[in-house]
Amino acid sequence: MEAGVEDQQEARRELLRLRDSIDNMDAALVHLLAERFKITQRVGELKAAHGMPPADPERERAQIARLRALAVEAKLDPEFAEKFLGFVVAEVVRHHEAIAADAR
């Protein structure tokens, strides 16, 4: 019986270590997204200042293809990667539309 308790305790310690790693990665993702949005904010300002459209479907298609390839290389589901990028791009376009509207 004692071995079972020790195994359980070791499993809980490992679970805590794994969760700490997940928390660190989540924090890194948030910071990376924040940096990405700072850059795309500048892109939106540049587009608005020069009368460019908020969305760039050709660029978006290229980015999706690039991200899907990276996902396959990283052994990540490319469908998930595409959905994630789609969510991010939709938010970026929304920001760019707001910037363009404010510039008018």
PDB file of N, CA and C in Angstrom:
ATOM      1  N   MET A   1       0.822  -1.198   0.000  1.00  0.00           N
ATOM      2  CA  MET A   1       0.000   0.000   0.000  1.00  0.00           C
ATOM      3  C   MET A   1       0.866   1.262   0.000  1.00  0.00           C
ATOM      4  N   GLU A   2       1.994   1.218   0.714  1.00  0.00           N
ATOM      5  CA  GLU A   2       2.875   2.376   0.823  1.00  0.00           C
ATOM      6  C   GLU A   2       3.409   2.815  -0.545  1.00  0.00           C
ATOM      7  N   ALA A   3       3.749   1.849  -1.389  1.00  0.00           N
ATOM      8  CA  ALA A   3       4.258   2.187  -2.730  1.00  0.00           C
ATOM      9  C   ALA A   3       3.204   2.948  -3.530  1.00  0.00           C
ATOM     10  N   GLY A   4       1.945   2.589  -3.383  1.00  0.00           N
ATOM     11  CA  GLY A   4       0.872   3.278  -4.096  1.00  0.00           C
ATOM     12  C   GLY A   4       0.770   4.730  -3.682  1.00  0.00           C
ATOM     13  N   VAL A   5       0.922   5.012  -2.398  1.00  0.00           N
ATOM     14  CA  VAL A   5       0.867   6.392  -1.886  1.00  0.00           C
ATOM     15  C   VAL A   5       2.054   7.192  -2.416  1.00  0.00           C
ATOM     16  N   GLU A   6       3.231   6.568  -2.397  1.00  0.00           N
ATOM     17  CA  GLU A   6       4.422   7.252  -2.918  1.00  0.00           C
ATOM     18  C   GLU A   6       4.276   7.534  -4.412  1.00  0.00           C
ATOM     19  N   ASP A   7       3.738   6.573  -5.159  1.00  0.00           N
ATOM     20  CA  ASP A   7       3.507   6.780  -6.591  1.00  0.00           C
ATOM     21  C   ASP A   7       2.535   7.938  -6.815  1.00  0.00           C
ATOM     22  N   GLN A   8       1.503   7.980  -6.005  1.00  0.00           N
ATOM     23  CA  GLN A   8       0.496   9.050  -6.109  1.00  0.00           C
ATOM     24  C   GLN A   8       1.135  10.411  -5.826  1.00  0.00           C
ATOM     25  N   GLN A   9       1.975  10.470  -4.803  1.00  0.00           N
ATOM     26  CA  GLN A   9       2.632  11.735  -4.465  1.00  0.00           C
ATOM     27  C   GLN A   9       3.584  12.177  -5.571  1.00  0.00           C
ATOM     28  N   GLU A  10       4.323  11.213  -6.125  1.00  0.00           N
ATOM     29  CA  GLU A  10       5.232  11.534  -7.226  1.00  0.00           C
ATOM     30  C   GLU A  10       4.444  12.007  -8.447  1.00  0.00           C
ATOM     31  N   ALA A  11       3.320  11.371  -8.711  1.00  0.00           N
ATOM     32  CA  ALA A  11       2.480  11.791  -9.832  1.00  0.00           C
ATOM     33  C   ALA A  11       1.977  13.213  -9.621  1.00  0.00           C
ATOM     34  N   ARG A  12       1.606  13.545  -8.399  1.00  0.00           N
ATOM     35  CA  ARG A  12       1.136  14.910  -8.108  1.00  0.00           C
ATOM     36  C   ARG A  12       2.254  15.931  -8.265  1.00  0.00           C
ATOM     37  N   ARG A  13       3.469  15.577  -7.842  1.00  0.00           N
ATOM     38  CA  ARG A  13       4.609  16.492  -8.024  1.00  0.00           C
ATOM     39  C   ARG A  13       4.877  16.715  -9.512  1.00  0.00           C
ATOM     40  N   GLU A  14       4.823  15.626 -10.281  1.00  0.00           N
ATOM     41  CA  GLU A  14       5.028  15.749 -11.721  1.00  0.00           C
ATOM     42  C   GLU A  14       3.930  16.590 -12.364  1.00  0.00           C
ATOM     43  N   LEU A  15       2.700  16.394 -11.919  1.00  0.00           N
ATOM     44  CA  LEU A  15       1.571  17.192 -12.421  1.00  0.00           C
ATOM     45  C   LEU A  15       1.811  18.671 -12.154  1.00  0.00           C
ATOM     46  N   LEU A  16       2.267  19.012 -10.972  1.00  0.00           N
ATOM     47  CA  LEU A  16       2.561  20.408 -10.632  1.00  0.00           C
ATOM     48  C   LEU A  16       3.681  20.961 -11.509  1.00  0.00           C
ATOM     49  N   ARG A  17       4.730  20.163 -11.746  1.00  0.00           N
ATOM     50  CA  ARG A  17       5.830  20.607 -12.618  1.00  0.00           C
ATOM     51  C   ARG A  17       5.314  20.867 -14.034  1.00  0.00           C
ATOM     52  N   LEU A  18       4.505  19.944 -14.525  1.00  0.00           N
ATOM     53  CA  LEU A  18       3.956  20.116 -15.873  1.00  0.00           C
ATOM     54  C   LEU A  18       3.053  21.345 -15.957  1.00  0.00           C
ATOM     55  N   ARG A  19       2.232  21.530 -14.958  1.00  0.00           N
ATOM     56  CA  ARG A  19       1.340  22.702 -14.957  1.00  0.00           C
ATOM     57  C   ARG A  19       2.119  23.999 -14.857  1.00  0.00           C
ATOM     58  N   ASP A  20       3.216  24.005 -14.100  1.00  0.00           N
ATOM     59  CA  ASP A  20       4.075  25.196 -14.049  1.00  0.00           C
ATOM     60  C   ASP A  20       4.628  25.509 -15.435  1.00  0.00           C
ATOM     61  N   SER A  21       5.040  24.476 -16.155  1.00  0.00           N
ATOM     62  CA  SER A  21       5.548  24.674 -17.513  1.00  0.00           C
ATOM     63  C   SER A  21       4.458  25.229 -18.427  1.00  0.00           C
ATOM     64  N   ILE A  22       3.250  24.687 -18.311  1.00  0.00           N
ATOM     65  CA  ILE A  22       2.126  25.184 -19.113  1.00  0.00           C
ATOM     66  C   ILE A  22       1.863  26.650 -18.788  1.00  0.00           C
ATOM     67  N   ASP A  23       1.865  26.995 -17.506  1.00  0.00           N
ATOM     68  CA  ASP A  23       1.631  28.386 -17.106  1.00  0.00           C
ATOM     69  C   ASP A  23       2.698  29.315 -17.684  1.00  0.00           C
ATOM     70  N   ASN A  24       3.953  28.861 -17.668  1.00  0.00           N
ATOM     71  CA  ASN A  24       5.035  29.674 -18.241  1.00  0.00           C
ATOM     72  C   ASN A  24       4.843  29.863 -19.736  1.00  0.00           C
ATOM     73  N   MET A  25       4.447  28.806 -20.421  1.00  0.00           N
ATOM     74  CA  MET A  25       4.224  28.908 -21.866  1.00  0.00           C
ATOM     75  C   MET A  25       3.032  29.815 -22.165  1.00  0.00           C
ATOM     76  N   ASP A  26       1.981  29.719 -21.366  1.00  0.00           N
ATOM     77  CA  ASP A  26       0.823  30.602 -21.564  1.00  0.00           C
ATOM     78  C   ASP A  26       1.236  32.063 -21.404  1.00  0.00           C
ATOM     79  N   ALA A  27       2.062  32.343 -20.402  1.00  0.00           N
ATOM     80  CA  ALA A  27       2.538  33.711 -20.196  1.00  0.00           C
ATOM     81  C   ALA A  27       3.358  34.177 -21.393  1.00  0.00           C
ATOM     82  N   ALA A  28       4.216  33.303 -21.900  1.00  0.00           N
ATOM     83  CA  ALA A  28       5.029  33.656 -23.072  1.00  0.00           C
ATOM     84  C   ALA A  28       4.135  33.924 -24.281  1.00  0.00           C
ATOM     85  N   LEU A  29       3.114  33.109 -24.479  1.00  0.00           N
ATOM     86  CA  LEU A  29       2.185  33.321 -25.597  1.00  0.00           C
ATOM     87  C   LEU A  29       1.490  34.676 -25.498  1.00  0.00           C
ATOM     88  N   VAL A  30       1.051  35.028 -24.303  1.00  0.00           N
ATOM     89  CA  VAL A  30       0.372  36.314 -24.111  1.00  0.00           C
ATOM     90  C   VAL A  30       1.326  37.457 -24.448  1.00  0.00           C
ATOM     91  N   HIS A  31       2.567  37.354 -23.985  1.00  0.00           N
ATOM     92  CA  HIS A  31       3.530  38.420 -24.255  1.00  0.00           C
ATOM     93  C   HIS A  31       3.876  38.487 -25.748  1.00  0.00           C
ATOM     94  N   LEU A  32       4.005  37.333 -26.394  1.00  0.00           N
ATOM     95  CA  LEU A  32       4.262  37.324 -27.836  1.00  0.00           C
ATOM     96  C   LEU A  32       3.101  37.930 -28.611  1.00  0.00           C
ATOM     97  N   LEU A  33       1.883  37.581 -28.222  1.00  0.00           N
ATOM     98  CA  LEU A  33       0.717  38.166 -28.892  1.00  0.00           C
ATOM     99  C   LEU A  33       0.666  39.678 -28.690  1.00  0.00           C
ATOM    100  N   ALA A  34       0.986  40.124 -27.491  1.00  0.00           N
ATOM    101  CA  ALA A  34       0.999  41.566 -27.228  1.00  0.00           C
ATOM    102  C   ALA A  34       2.017  42.267 -28.132  1.00  0.00           C
ATOM    103  N   GLU A  35       3.198  41.683 -28.284  1.00  0.00           N
ATOM    104  CA  GLU A  35       4.208  42.268 -29.161  1.00  0.00           C
ATOM    105  C   GLU A  35       3.741  42.250 -30.615  1.00  0.00           C
ATOM    106  N   ARG A  36       3.108  41.150 -31.021  1.00  0.00           N
ATOM    107  CA  ARG A  36       2.597  41.051 -32.391  1.00  0.00           C
ATOM    108  C   ARG A  36       1.567  42.146 -32.647  1.00  0.00           C
ATOM    109  N   PHE A  37       0.672  42.373 -31.682  1.00  0.00           N
ATOM    110  CA  PHE A  37      -0.358  43.386 -31.867  1.00  0.00           C
ATOM    111  C   PHE A  37       0.215  44.802 -31.848  1.00  0.00           C
ATOM    112  N   LYS A  38       1.312  45.025 -31.144  1.00  0.00           N
ATOM    113  CA  LYS A  38       1.963  46.341 -31.215  1.00  0.00           C
ATOM    114  C   LYS A  38       2.450  46.607 -32.638  1.00  0.00           C
ATOM    115  N   ILE A  39       2.999  45.582 -33.263  1.00  0.00           N
ATOM    116  CA  ILE A  39       3.500  45.733 -34.630  1.00  0.00           C
ATOM    117  C   ILE A  39       2.337  45.900 -35.604  1.00  0.00           C
ATOM    118  N   THR A  40       1.301  45.086 -35.450  1.00  0.00           N
ATOM    119  CA  THR A  40       0.171  45.205 -36.377  1.00  0.00           C
ATOM    120  C   THR A  40      -0.574  46.524 -36.175  1.00  0.00           C
ATOM    121  N   GLN A  41      -0.508  47.090 -34.988  1.00  0.00           N
ATOM    122  CA  GLN A  41      -1.085  48.419 -34.751  1.00  0.00           C
ATOM    123  C   GLN A  41      -0.374  49.435 -35.635  1.00  0.00           C
ATOM    124  N   ARG A  42       0.930  49.337 -35.668  1.00  0.00           N
ATOM    125  CA  ARG A  42       1.715  50.247 -36.517  1.00  0.00           C
ATOM    126  C   ARG A  42       1.393  50.023 -37.990  1.00  0.00           C
ATOM    127  N   VAL A  43       1.215  48.746 -38.382  1.00  0.00           N
ATOM    128  CA  VAL A  43       0.829  48.432 -39.766  1.00  0.00           C
ATOM    129  C   VAL A  43      -0.504  49.105 -40.089  1.00  0.00           C
ATOM    130  N   GLY A  44      -1.459  49.020 -39.172  1.00  0.00           N
ATOM    131  CA  GLY A  44      -2.765  49.645 -39.378  1.00  0.00           C
ATOM    132  C   GLY A  44      -2.660  51.144 -39.532  1.00  0.00           C
ATOM    133  N   GLU A  45      -1.812  51.772 -38.732  1.00  0.00           N
ATOM    134  CA  GLU A  45      -1.614  53.213 -38.822  1.00  0.00           C
ATOM    135  C   GLU A  45      -0.994  53.587 -40.169  1.00  0.00           C
ATOM    136  N   LEU A  46      -0.032  52.792 -40.605  1.00  0.00           N
ATOM    137  CA  LEU A  46       0.627  53.037 -41.882  1.00  0.00           C
ATOM    138  C   LEU A  46      -0.364  52.884 -43.035  1.00  0.00           C
ATOM    139  N   LYS A  47      -1.166  51.830 -42.996  1.00  0.00           N
ATOM    140  CA  LYS A  47      -2.179  51.618 -44.040  1.00  0.00           C
ATOM    141  C   LYS A  47      -3.179  52.770 -44.074  1.00  0.00           C
ATOM    142  N   ALA A  48      -3.655  53.178 -42.909  1.00  0.00           N
ATOM    143  CA  ALA A  48      -4.638  54.265 -42.842  1.00  0.00           C
ATOM    144  C   ALA A  48      -4.049  55.567 -43.369  1.00  0.00           C
ATOM    145  N   ALA A  49      -2.807  55.844 -43.023  1.00  0.00           N
ATOM    146  CA  ALA A  49      -2.167  57.087 -43.449  1.00  0.00           C
ATOM    147  C   ALA A  49      -1.986  57.152 -44.962  1.00  0.00           C
ATOM    148  N   HIS A  50      -1.926  55.983 -45.603  1.00  0.00           N
ATOM    149  CA  HIS A  50      -1.678  55.944 -47.044  1.00  0.00           C
ATOM    150  C   HIS A  50      -2.860  55.401 -47.838  1.00  0.00           C
ATOM    151  N   GLY A  51      -4.034  55.362 -47.200  1.00  0.00           N
ATOM    152  CA  GLY A  51      -5.256  54.962 -47.898  1.00  0.00           C
ATOM    153  C   GLY A  51      -5.293  53.512 -48.341  1.00  0.00           C
ATOM    154  N   MET A  52      -4.541  52.672 -47.676  1.00  0.00           N
ATOM    155  CA  MET A  52      -4.539  51.246 -48.022  1.00  0.00           C
ATOM    156  C   MET A  52      -5.681  50.547 -47.301  1.00  0.00           C
ATOM    157  N   PRO A  53      -6.218  49.476 -47.883  1.00  0.00           N
ATOM    158  CA  PRO A  53      -7.327  48.771 -47.227  1.00  0.00           C
ATOM    159  C   PRO A  53      -6.867  48.061 -45.947  1.00  0.00           C
ATOM    160  N   PRO A  54      -7.773  47.950 -44.967  1.00  0.00           N
ATOM    161  CA  PRO A  54      -7.410  47.299 -43.705  1.00  0.00           C
ATOM    162  C   PRO A  54      -7.022  45.827 -43.856  1.00  0.00           C
ATOM    163  N   ALA A  55      -7.667  45.129 -44.773  1.00  0.00           N
ATOM    164  CA  ALA A  55      -7.392  43.703 -44.968  1.00  0.00           C
ATOM    165  C   ALA A  55      -6.556  43.512 -46.226  1.00  0.00           C
ATOM    166  N   ASP A  56      -5.759  42.449 -46.217  1.00  0.00           N
ATOM    167  CA  ASP A  56      -4.933  42.095 -47.373  1.00  0.00           C
ATOM    168  C   ASP A  56      -5.103  40.592 -47.601  1.00  0.00           C
ATOM    169  N   PRO A  57      -6.160  40.215 -48.350  1.00  0.00           N
ATOM    170  CA  PRO A  57      -6.462  38.784 -48.537  1.00  0.00           C
ATOM    171  C   PRO A  57      -5.296  37.973 -49.109  1.00  0.00           C
ATOM    172  N   GLU A  58      -4.526  38.565 -50.007  1.00  0.00           N
ATOM    173  CA  GLU A  58      -3.384  37.826 -50.577  1.00  0.00           C
ATOM    174  C   GLU A  58      -2.350  37.515 -49.500  1.00  0.00           C
ATOM    175  N   ARG A  59      -2.045  38.494 -48.673  1.00  0.00           N
ATOM    176  CA  ARG A  59      -1.100  38.289 -47.560  1.00  0.00           C
ATOM    177  C   ARG A  59      -1.651  37.244 -46.591  1.00  0.00           C
ATOM    178  N   GLU A  60      -2.950  37.324 -46.308  1.00  0.00           N
ATOM    179  CA  GLU A  60      -3.568  36.376 -45.381  1.00  0.00           C
ATOM    180  C   GLU A  60      -3.469  34.948 -45.915  1.00  0.00           C
ATOM    181  N   ARG A  61      -3.718  34.765 -47.212  1.00  0.00           N
ATOM    182  CA  ARG A  61      -3.604  33.423 -47.819  1.00  0.00           C
ATOM    183  C   ARG A  61      -2.175  32.902 -47.703  1.00  0.00           C
ATOM    184  N   ALA A  62      -1.209  33.766 -47.973  1.00  0.00           N
ATOM    185  CA  ALA A  62       0.201  33.368 -47.881  1.00  0.00           C
ATOM    186  C   ALA A  62       0.565  33.001 -46.433  1.00  0.00           C
ATOM    187  N   GLN A  63       0.067  33.788 -45.495  1.00  0.00           N
ATOM    188  CA  GLN A  63       0.356  33.514 -44.089  1.00  0.00           C
ATOM    189  C   GLN A  63      -0.265  32.191 -43.636  1.00  0.00           C
ATOM    190  N   ILE A  64      -1.473  31.913 -44.103  1.00  0.00           N
ATOM    191  CA  ILE A  64      -2.128  30.645 -43.745  1.00  0.00           C
ATOM    192  C   ILE A  64      -1.308  29.479 -44.274  1.00  0.00           C
ATOM    193  N   ALA A  65      -0.891  29.558 -45.522  1.00  0.00           N
ATOM    194  CA  ALA A  65      -0.082  28.484 -46.100  1.00  0.00           C
ATOM    195  C   ALA A  65       1.226  28.319 -45.333  1.00  0.00           C
ATOM    196  N   ARG A  66       1.865  29.431 -45.011  1.00  0.00           N
ATOM    197  CA  ARG A  66       3.122  29.396 -44.261  1.00  0.00           C
ATOM    198  C   ARG A  66       2.924  28.779 -42.879  1.00  0.00           C
ATOM    199  N   LEU A  67       1.873  29.209 -42.193  1.00  0.00           N
ATOM    200  CA  LEU A  67       1.624  28.707 -40.847  1.00  0.00           C
ATOM    201  C   LEU A  67       1.243  27.230 -40.856  1.00  0.00           C
ATOM    202  N   ARG A  68       0.474  26.809 -41.849  1.00  0.00           N
ATOM    203  CA  ARG A  68       0.115  25.390 -41.959  1.00  0.00           C
ATOM    204  C   ARG A  68       1.372  24.543 -42.155  1.00  0.00           C
ATOM    205  N   ALA A  69       2.300  25.009 -42.978  1.00  0.00           N
ATOM    206  CA  ALA A  69       3.553  24.285 -43.201  1.00  0.00           C
ATOM    207  C   ALA A  69       4.380  24.224 -41.916  1.00  0.00           C
ATOM    208  N   LEU A  70       4.451  25.339 -41.215  1.00  0.00           N
ATOM    209  CA  LEU A  70       5.165  25.354 -39.933  1.00  0.00           C
ATOM    210  C   LEU A  70       4.525  24.396 -38.935  1.00  0.00           C
ATOM    211  N   ALA A  71       3.205  24.360 -38.930  1.00  0.00           N
ATOM    212  CA  ALA A  71       2.496  23.468 -38.011  1.00  0.00           C
ATOM    213  C   ALA A  71       2.822  22.011 -38.312  1.00  0.00           C
ATOM    214  N   VAL A  72       2.801  21.646 -39.585  1.00  0.00           N
ATOM    215  CA  VAL A  72       3.133  20.266 -39.954  1.00  0.00           C
ATOM    216  C   VAL A  72       4.549  19.936 -39.503  1.00  0.00           C
ATOM    217  N   GLU A  73       5.471  20.856 -39.750  1.00  0.00           N
ATOM    218  CA  GLU A  73       6.870  20.664 -39.349  1.00  0.00           C
ATOM    219  C   GLU A  73       6.995  20.489 -37.835  1.00  0.00           C
ATOM    220  N   ALA A  74       6.166  21.219 -37.077  1.00  0.00           N
ATOM    221  CA  ALA A  74       6.215  21.172 -35.612  1.00  0.00           C
ATOM    222  C   ALA A  74       5.333  20.066 -35.032  1.00  0.00           C
ATOM    223  N   LYS A  75       4.712  19.289 -35.910  1.00  0.00           N
ATOM    224  CA  LYS A  75       3.801  18.216 -35.489  1.00  0.00           C
ATOM    225  C   LYS A  75       2.594  18.760 -34.714  1.00  0.00           C
ATOM    226  N   LEU A  76       2.087  19.885 -35.204  1.00  0.00           N
ATOM    227  CA  LEU A  76       0.879  20.510 -34.675  1.00  0.00           C
ATOM    228  C   LEU A  76      -0.196  20.407 -35.748  1.00  0.00           C
ATOM    229  N   ASP A  77      -1.413  20.194 -35.349  1.00  0.00           N
ATOM    230  CA  ASP A  77      -2.518  20.078 -36.293  1.00  0.00           C
ATOM    231  C   ASP A  77      -2.614  21.354 -37.130  1.00  0.00           C
ATOM    232  N   PRO A  78      -2.422  21.273 -38.458  1.00  0.00           N
ATOM    233  CA  PRO A  78      -2.475  22.480 -39.296  1.00  0.00           C
ATOM    234  C   PRO A  78      -3.857  23.133 -39.304  1.00  0.00           C
ATOM    235  N   GLU A  79      -4.911  22.347 -39.097  1.00  0.00           N
ATOM    236  CA  GLU A  79      -6.259  22.931 -39.004  1.00  0.00           C
ATOM    237  C   GLU A  79      -6.346  23.847 -37.789  1.00  0.00           C
ATOM    238  N   PHE A  80      -5.808  23.386 -36.675  1.00  0.00           N
ATOM    239  CA  PHE A  80      -5.794  24.207 -35.467  1.00  0.00           C
ATOM    240  C   PHE A  80      -4.977  25.475 -35.701  1.00  0.00           C
ATOM    241  N   ALA A  81      -3.813  25.325 -36.308  1.00  0.00           N
ATOM    242  CA  ALA A  81      -2.955  26.484 -36.569  1.00  0.00           C
ATOM    243  C   ALA A  81      -3.674  27.497 -37.449  1.00  0.00           C
ATOM    244  N   GLU A  82      -4.386  27.003 -38.459  1.00  0.00           N
ATOM    245  CA  GLU A  82      -5.116  27.908 -39.344  1.00  0.00           C
ATOM    246  C   GLU A  82      -6.243  28.617 -38.602  1.00  0.00           C
ATOM    247  N   LYS A  83      -6.962  27.888 -37.772  1.00  0.00           N
ATOM    248  CA  LYS A  83      -8.038  28.516 -36.985  1.00  0.00           C
ATOM    249  C   LYS A  83      -7.473  29.579 -36.047  1.00  0.00           C
ATOM    250  N   PHE A  84      -6.347  29.271 -35.425  1.00  0.00           N
ATOM    251  CA  PHE A  84      -5.719  30.222 -34.513  1.00  0.00           C
ATOM    252  C   PHE A  84      -5.305  31.481 -35.269  1.00  0.00           C
ATOM    253  N   LEU A  85      -4.638  31.306 -36.415  1.00  0.00           N
ATOM    254  CA  LEU A  85      -4.230  32.465 -37.205  1.00  0.00           C
ATOM    255  C   LEU A  85      -5.450  33.243 -37.683  1.00  0.00           C
ATOM    256  N   GLY A  86      -6.499  32.525 -38.082  1.00  0.00           N
ATOM    257  CA  GLY A  86      -7.718  33.196 -38.526  1.00  0.00           C
ATOM    258  C   GLY A  86      -8.294  34.087 -37.448  1.00  0.00           C
ATOM    259  N   PHE A  87      -8.280  33.598 -36.218  1.00  0.00           N
ATOM    260  CA  PHE A  87      -8.777  34.389 -35.086  1.00  0.00           C
ATOM    261  C   PHE A  87      -7.920  35.638 -34.895  1.00  0.00           C
ATOM    262  N   VAL A  88      -6.604  35.469 -34.943  1.00  0.00           N
ATOM    263  CA  VAL A  88      -5.689  36.593 -34.748  1.00  0.00           C
ATOM    264  C   VAL A  88      -5.847  37.605 -35.884  1.00  0.00           C
ATOM    265  N   VAL A  89      -5.900  37.127 -37.116  1.00  0.00           N
ATOM    266  CA  VAL A  89      -6.017  38.032 -38.271  1.00  0.00           C
ATOM    267  C   VAL A  89      -7.340  38.791 -38.232  1.00  0.00           C
ATOM    268  N   ALA A  90      -8.413  38.116 -37.860  1.00  0.00           N
ATOM    269  CA  ALA A  90      -9.709  38.801 -37.763  1.00  0.00           C
ATOM    270  C   ALA A  90      -9.632  39.946 -36.758  1.00  0.00           C
ATOM    271  N   GLU A  91      -8.951  39.729 -35.656  1.00  0.00           N
ATOM    272  CA  GLU A  91      -8.794  40.787 -34.651  1.00  0.00           C
ATOM    273  C   GLU A  91      -7.925  41.919 -35.188  1.00  0.00           C
ATOM    274  N   VAL A  92      -6.867  41.580 -35.891  1.00  0.00           N
ATOM    275  CA  VAL A  92      -5.993  42.599 -36.490  1.00  0.00           C
ATOM    276  C   VAL A  92      -6.778  43.447 -37.490  1.00  0.00           C
ATOM    277  N   VAL A  93      -7.547  42.800 -38.366  1.00  0.00           N
ATOM    278  CA  VAL A  93      -8.336  43.532 -39.364  1.00  0.00           C
ATOM    279  C   VAL A  93      -9.338  44.448 -38.667  1.00  0.00           C
ATOM    280  N   ARG A  94      -9.955  43.947 -37.604  1.00  0.00           N
ATOM    281  CA  ARG A  94     -10.899  44.782 -36.838  1.00  0.00           C
ATOM    282  C   ARG A  94     -10.183  46.029 -36.315  1.00  0.00           C
ATOM    283  N   HIS A  95      -8.990  45.856 -35.791  1.00  0.00           N
ATOM    284  CA  HIS A  95      -8.205  47.006 -35.312  1.00  0.00           C
ATOM    285  C   HIS A  95      -7.882  47.945 -36.461  1.00  0.00           C
ATOM    286  N   HIS A  96      -7.478  47.385 -37.600  1.00  0.00           N
ATOM    287  CA  HIS A  96      -7.126  48.217 -38.758  1.00  0.00           C
ATOM    288  C   HIS A  96      -8.338  48.997 -39.263  1.00  0.00           C
ATOM    289  N   GLU A  97      -9.507  48.371 -39.253  1.00  0.00           N
ATOM    290  CA  GLU A  97     -10.729  49.076 -39.660  1.00  0.00           C
ATOM    291  C   GLU A  97     -11.027  50.231 -38.708  1.00  0.00           C
ATOM    292  N   ALA A  98     -10.828  50.014 -37.409  1.00  0.00           N
ATOM    293  CA  ALA A  98     -11.061  51.080 -36.434  1.00  0.00           C
ATOM    294  C   ALA A  98     -10.064  52.227 -36.631  1.00  0.00           C
ATOM    295  N   ILE A  99      -8.813  51.879 -36.891  1.00  0.00           N
ATOM    296  CA  ILE A  99      -7.791  52.908 -37.134  1.00  0.00           C
ATOM    297  C   ILE A  99      -8.153  53.714 -38.383  1.00  0.00           C
ATOM    298  N   ALA A 100      -8.564  53.009 -39.437  1.00  0.00           N
ATOM    299  CA  ALA A 100      -8.938  53.680 -40.691  1.00  0.00           C
ATOM    300  C   ALA A 100     -10.143  54.605 -40.471  1.00  0.00           C
ATOM    301  N   ALA A 101     -11.102  54.129 -39.696  1.00  0.00           N
ATOM    302  CA  ALA A 101     -12.296  54.946 -39.425  1.00  0.00           C
ATOM    303  C   ALA A 101     -11.922  56.195 -38.634  1.00  0.00           C
ATOM    304  N   ASP A 102     -11.000  56.073 -37.691  1.00  0.00           N
ATOM    305  CA  ASP A 102     -10.564  57.216 -36.894  1.00  0.00           C
ATOM    306  C   ASP A 102      -9.762  58.210 -37.741  1.00  0.00           C
ATOM    307  N   ALA A 103      -9.106  57.706 -38.776  1.00  0.00           N
ATOM    308  CA  ALA A 103      -8.270  58.566 -39.629  1.00  0.00           C
ATOM    309  C   ALA A 103      -9.098  59.412 -40.585  1.00  0.00           C
ATOM    310  N   ARG A 104     -10.362  59.032 -40.792  1.00  0.00           N
ATOM    311  CA  ARG A 104     -11.206  59.778 -41.744  1.00  0.00           C
ATOM    312  C   ARG A 104     -11.653  61.085 -41.182  1.00  0.00           C
TER     313      ARG A 104
END
